Amino acid sequence: MVNGLLGLAILFFVLAIIFALIGARGIAGISMSVAKWLVIIFIVLAIISLLL
């Protein structure tokens, strides 16, 4: 199974690529947006944990 934010981001990124190849651009865009936000949250939390 997928563990953590980074794993979920990779999962949504792969789903976005698959849906883009199939031709479902709306679902691909939503999946890419979710993946982008998960990566941003991961980076922010990683920086906070390194500083504290």
Protein backbone atom coordinates (compact mmCIF):
# COMPACT_ATOMS: atom_id res chain seq x y z
CA MET A 1 0.00 0.00 0.00
CA VAL A 2 0.94 3.64 -0.33
CA ASN A 3 2.37 5.23 2.82
CA GLY A 4 2.59 8.95 3.54
CA LEU A 5 1.97 12.11 1.60
CA LEU A 6 4.71 11.54 -0.94
CA GLY A 7 3.38 8.09 -1.81
CA LEU A 8 -0.10 9.48 -2.30
CA ALA A 9 1.28 12.29 -4.47
CA ILE A 10 3.05 9.75 -6.69
CA LEU A 11 -0.14 7.69 -6.90
CA PHE A 12 -2.22 10.69 -7.99
CA PHE A 13 0.49 11.70 -10.49
CA VAL A 14 0.43 8.24 -12.07
CA LEU A 15 -3.38 8.33 -12.17
CA ALA A 16 -3.23 11.73 -13.88
CA ILE A 17 -0.89 10.37 -16.56
CA ILE A 18 -3.11 7.33 -17.13
CA PHE A 19 -6.28 9.40 -17.41
CA ALA A 20 -4.55 11.87 -19.74
CA LEU A 21 -3.55 9.01 -22.03
CA ILE A 22 -7.10 7.65 -21.99
CA GLY A 23 -8.46 11.08 -22.84
CA ALA A 24 -10.26 11.99 -19.62
CA ARG A 25 -8.66 15.42 -19.28
CA GLY A 26 -10.96 16.62 -16.49
CA ILE A 27 -10.10 13.74 -14.17
CA ALA A 28 -6.43 14.02 -15.12
CA GLY A 29 -6.42 17.71 -14.19
CA ILE A 30 -8.05 17.04 -10.84
CA SER A 31 -5.60 14.21 -10.09
CA MET A 32 -2.65 16.43 -11.02
CA SER A 33 -3.97 19.22 -8.81
CA VAL A 34 -4.31 16.87 -5.84
CA ALA A 35 -0.80 15.51 -6.45
CA LYS A 36 0.62 19.05 -6.60
CA TRP A 37 -0.97 20.03 -3.29
CA LEU A 38 0.18 16.83 -1.59
CA VAL A 39 3.77 17.52 -2.67
CA ILE A 40 3.53 21.12 -1.42
CA ILE A 41 2.17 19.95 1.95
CA PHE A 42 4.92 17.31 2.15
CA ILE A 43 7.65 19.89 1.48
CA VAL A 44 6.24 22.35 4.03
CA LEU A 45 5.98 19.65 6.71
CA ALA A 46 9.49 18.40 5.91
CA ILE A 47 10.94 21.89 6.29
CA ILE A 48 9.07 22.44 9.55
CA SER A 49 10.27 19.13 10.94
CA LEU A 50 13.87 19.94 10.01
CA LEU A 51 13.71 23.33 11.71
CA LEU A 52 12.17 22.07 14.94
